[in-house]
Amino acid sequence: MNMKTMVGVGALVLAAGACGAWGAANVWQPEDEHPGKKYIAEYMAKASDPNMMANYMKAGEPGTAHEFLALFVGEWDAVNRMWMDPAGEPMESKGSCTNTMIMGGRYLQTEYKGDMMGFPFTGMALTGYDNNKKLFTNIWIDSMSTGIAPSYGNLDQSGTAMTMIGTMDEPTTGEMGKAYKQVFRIIDEDNHVMEMWEILYGDPFKVMEIQYTRK
């Protein structure tokens, strides 16, 4: 048997095996019950729903969760404290913050200015509430990094504290997608606090706190 014949026979064997496996699968799973085809059929039914556009518009409407975000709107003085060692004294710096609602009340835009570890520092965040995910969402960028840090979370039962779990790339250790926790606490209409927590190694400990006071 020459090489060409061997290749041809091998191809036939593989084809027969594949057909046999598919045939066996169909014995246990009729074509109209195949999960992949059922999924597509369900998806197409949703896509052809005459209420699809109304559902789309409803999902994009700001609601009570967005009213909560609007509580942070305004001009704020900020005191920033950072802990390199949880048992040590924090480094303290000052800054200011401007929060505005944008996109028709759908997102809270934060612009922060101050200094960090003796260097000028600016940061920007967008915080929203995703009606589809049923979660608050946040992205953060600043002048000391080139990455975008996303986070997701929700309010506690008091309705005054929002906890979010995020990921960031840590240049000092090379960790990619390192998880962290943020907590936003409303003290009263003129005061709120943002805390950032290390949550991966041992007991969680606070690494940063920013106290905001309305101007």
Protein backbone atom coordinates (compact mmCIF):
# COMPACT_ATOMS: atom_id res chain seq x y z
CA MET A 1 0.00 0.00 0.00
CA ASN A 2 1.53 3.30 -1.05
CA MET A 3 1.49 6.51 0.98
CA LYS A 4 -1.35 8.07 -1.03
CA THR A 5 -3.55 5.04 -0.44
CA MET A 6 -2.73 5.01 3.28
CA VAL A 7 -3.71 8.69 3.61
CA GLY A 8 -6.98 8.05 1.80
CA VAL A 9 -7.84 5.09 4.01
CA GLY A 10 -6.98 7.09 7.13
CA ALA A 11 -9.27 9.92 6.07
CA LEU A 12 -12.15 7.48 5.52
CA VAL A 13 -11.62 5.94 8.95
CA LEU A 14 -11.65 9.35 10.63
CA ALA A 15 -14.76 10.41 8.73
CA ALA A 16 -16.53 7.16 9.63
CA GLY A 17 -15.62 7.63 13.28
CA ALA A 18 -16.90 11.19 13.32
CA CYS A 19 -20.18 10.18 11.67
CA GLY A 20 -20.53 7.31 14.10
CA ALA A 21 -20.02 9.59 17.09
CA TRP A 22 -22.55 12.14 15.78
CA GLY A 23 -24.97 9.36 14.99
CA ALA A 24 -24.61 7.97 18.50
CA ALA A 25 -25.22 11.41 19.94
CA ASN A 26 -28.37 11.76 17.86
CA VAL A 27 -29.65 8.42 19.17
CA TRP A 28 -29.66 9.89 22.69
CA GLN A 29 -30.53 13.45 21.62
CA PRO A 30 -33.04 14.00 18.80
CA GLU A 31 -32.13 16.85 16.50
CA ASP A 32 -35.00 19.05 17.68
CA GLU A 33 -33.80 18.67 21.28
CA HIS A 34 -30.11 19.34 20.64
CA PRO A 35 -29.14 22.01 23.25
CA GLY A 36 -27.26 24.14 20.75
CA LYS A 37 -30.22 24.30 18.37
CA LYS A 38 -32.64 24.84 21.25
CA TYR A 39 -30.53 27.78 22.45
CA ILE A 40 -30.54 29.37 19.00
CA ALA A 41 -34.29 28.88 18.68
CA GLU A 42 -34.87 30.53 22.06
CA TYR A 43 -32.50 33.38 21.18
CA MET A 44 -34.23 34.02 17.84
CA ALA A 45 -37.63 33.98 19.58
CA LYS A 46 -36.44 36.70 21.97
CA ALA A 47 -34.90 38.69 19.12
CA SER A 48 -38.20 38.62 17.19
CA ASP A 49 -40.29 39.62 20.23
CA PRO A 50 -42.44 42.62 19.21
CA ASN A 51 -41.68 44.14 22.63
CA MET A 52 -37.93 43.93 22.07
CA MET A 53 -37.43 47.66 21.48
CA ALA A 54 -39.62 48.57 24.45
CA ASN A 55 -37.57 46.23 26.65
CA TYR A 56 -34.38 47.77 25.29
CA MET A 57 -35.57 51.28 26.09
CA LYS A 58 -36.71 50.26 29.58
CA ALA A 59 -33.29 48.73 30.33
CA GLY A 60 -31.68 52.07 29.50
CA GLU A 61 -33.83 54.23 31.77
CA PRO A 62 -32.23 55.70 34.91
CA GLY A 63 -33.96 54.67 38.12
CA THR A 64 -33.73 54.73 41.90
CA ALA A 65 -30.18 53.36 41.90
CA HIS A 66 -29.10 56.31 39.76
CA GLU A 67 -30.82 58.66 42.21
CA PHE A 68 -28.56 57.16 44.87
CA LEU A 69 -25.49 58.03 42.78
CA ALA A 70 -26.75 61.60 42.46
CA LEU A 71 -26.30 61.99 46.23
CA PHE A 72 -22.55 62.28 45.55
CA VAL A 73 -22.93 65.22 43.13
CA GLY A 74 -21.08 68.38 44.12
CA GLU A 75 -17.73 69.91 45.00
CA TRP A 76 -15.77 68.15 47.74
CA ASP A 77 -12.62 68.64 49.79
CA ALA A 78 -10.70 65.40 50.24
CA VAL A 79 -8.27 64.04 52.85
CA ASN A 80 -6.40 60.97 51.59
CA ARG A 81 -4.73 58.47 53.93
CA MET A 82 -2.60 55.55 52.70
CA TRP A 83 -1.18 52.66 54.72
CA MET A 84 1.92 50.88 53.45
CA ASP A 85 1.95 48.88 56.71
CA PRO A 86 -1.45 48.18 58.33
CA ALA A 87 0.17 48.50 61.76
CA GLY A 88 1.90 51.80 60.91
CA GLU A 89 0.85 55.41 60.56
CA PRO A 90 -0.77 56.45 57.27
CA MET A 91 0.65 58.92 54.78
CA GLU A 92 -1.76 61.85 54.49
CA SER A 93 -2.43 64.21 51.60
CA LYS A 94 -5.19 66.55 50.49
CA GLY A 95 -7.16 67.01 47.32
CA SER A 96 -10.47 68.03 45.84
CA CYS A 97 -13.17 66.30 43.88
CA THR A 98 -15.95 67.30 41.49
CA ASN A 99 -18.85 64.91 40.88
CA THR A 100 -21.45 65.43 38.14
CA MET A 101 -24.20 63.29 36.68
CA ILE A 102 -23.87 62.82 32.91
CA MET A 103 -25.70 61.06 30.07
CA GLY A 104 -29.12 62.12 31.31
CA GLY A 105 -28.52 61.02 34.90
CA ARG A 106 -27.15 57.59 34.01
CA TYR A 107 -23.54 57.95 35.20
CA LEU A 108 -21.69 59.75 37.96
CA GLN A 109 -18.48 61.32 36.64
CA THR A 110 -15.74 61.93 39.21
CA GLU A 111 -12.74 64.21 38.66
CA TYR A 112 -10.13 64.12 41.43
CA LYS A 113 -7.13 66.43 41.87
CA GLY A 114 -4.50 66.36 44.60
CA ASP A 115 -1.15 64.80 45.34
CA MET A 116 -0.09 61.23 46.03
CA MET A 117 3.13 60.36 47.86
CA GLY A 118 4.45 63.84 47.14
CA PHE A 119 3.57 63.85 43.43
CA PRO A 120 0.77 65.72 41.61
CA PHE A 121 -2.12 63.35 41.04
CA THR A 122 -5.32 63.39 39.00
CA GLY A 123 -7.93 60.68 38.64
CA MET A 124 -11.23 60.11 36.90
CA ALA A 125 -14.04 57.63 37.49
CA LEU A 126 -17.38 56.74 35.93
CA THR A 127 -19.90 55.04 38.21
CA GLY A 128 -23.24 53.71 37.04
CA TYR A 129 -25.89 51.14 37.76
CA ASP A 130 -26.34 48.44 35.12
CA ASN A 131 -30.05 47.62 34.91
CA ASN A 132 -29.24 44.33 33.16
CA LYS A 133 -26.61 43.13 35.64
CA LYS A 134 -28.47 44.61 38.65
CA LEU A 135 -25.09 45.87 39.87
CA PHE A 136 -23.32 49.17 40.38
CA THR A 137 -20.36 49.46 38.03
CA ASN A 138 -17.25 51.62 38.16
CA ILE A 139 -14.13 52.28 36.11
CA TRP A 140 -11.13 54.27 37.35
CA ILE A 141 -8.14 55.83 35.59
CA ASP A 142 -5.44 58.11 36.96
CA SER A 143 -2.21 59.92 36.17
CA MET A 144 -0.01 57.32 37.91
CA SER A 145 -0.99 54.33 35.78
CA THR A 146 -1.84 53.30 32.24
CA GLY A 147 -4.48 50.73 33.16
CA ILE A 148 -8.24 50.87 33.61
CA ALA A 149 -9.55 49.38 36.87
CA PRO A 150 -13.15 48.06 36.74
CA SER A 151 -15.27 47.10 39.75
CA TYR A 152 -18.80 45.85 40.46
CA GLY A 153 -20.96 45.76 43.57
CA ASN A 154 -24.13 46.69 45.40
CA LEU A 155 -25.60 48.43 48.45
CA ASP A 156 -25.86 46.86 51.87
CA GLN A 157 -29.20 46.57 53.67
CA SER A 158 -28.85 50.04 55.18
CA GLY A 159 -28.80 51.59 51.71
CA THR A 160 -25.95 53.89 52.76
CA ALA A 161 -22.86 51.78 51.99
CA MET A 162 -21.83 50.42 48.61
CA THR A 163 -19.26 47.62 48.43
CA MET A 164 -17.52 46.91 45.13
CA ILE A 165 -15.02 44.23 44.14
CA GLY A 166 -12.56 45.29 41.46
CA THR A 167 -9.46 44.15 39.63
CA MET A 168 -6.23 45.97 38.89
CA ASP A 169 -2.77 45.21 37.58
CA GLU A 170 -0.13 45.60 40.30
CA PRO A 171 3.13 46.90 38.76
CA THR A 172 5.15 46.44 41.95
CA THR A 173 4.55 42.68 42.09
CA GLY A 174 3.60 41.88 38.50
CA GLU A 175 0.16 40.60 39.53
CA MET A 176 -2.40 40.85 36.72
CA GLY A 177 -6.09 41.25 37.55
CA LYS A 178 -5.47 41.48 41.29
CA ALA A 179 -8.73 41.71 43.25
CA TYR A 180 -9.45 44.48 45.73
CA LYS A 181 -12.45 45.83 47.63
CA GLN A 182 -13.85 49.37 47.72
CA VAL A 183 -16.45 50.59 50.19
CA PHE A 184 -18.29 53.90 49.80
CA ARG A 185 -20.01 55.02 53.01
CA ILE A 186 -22.43 57.94 53.21
CA ILE A 187 -22.12 59.59 56.63
CA ASP A 188 -24.60 62.39 55.89
CA GLU A 189 -25.43 64.66 52.97
CA ASP A 190 -22.17 66.60 53.40
CA ASN A 191 -19.75 63.77 54.26
CA HIS A 192 -18.83 60.43 52.75
CA VAL A 193 -15.84 58.09 52.84
CA MET A 194 -14.21 55.82 50.29
CA GLU A 195 -12.17 52.89 51.63
CA MET A 196 -9.92 50.53 49.67
CA TRP A 197 -9.12 47.13 51.17
CA GLU A 198 -6.49 44.46 50.49
CA ILE A 199 -8.42 41.18 50.47
CA LEU A 200 -6.10 38.52 49.03
CA TYR A 201 -3.46 37.92 51.69
CA GLY A 202 -4.54 36.92 55.19
CA ASP A 203 -7.06 39.07 57.00
CA PRO A 204 -8.37 42.03 54.94
CA PHE A 205 -6.77 45.34 55.84
CA LYS A 206 -7.39 48.92 54.79
CA VAL A 207 -4.78 50.35 52.42
CA MET A 208 -6.43 53.69 51.62
CA GLU A 209 -9.17 55.95 52.88
CA ILE A 210 -10.44 59.23 51.42
CA GLN A 211 -12.73 61.40 53.50
CA TYR A 212 -14.88 63.78 51.48
CA THR A 213 -16.48 66.95 52.89
CA ARG A 214 -18.82 69.07 50.80
CA LYS A 215 -17.43 72.54 50.04
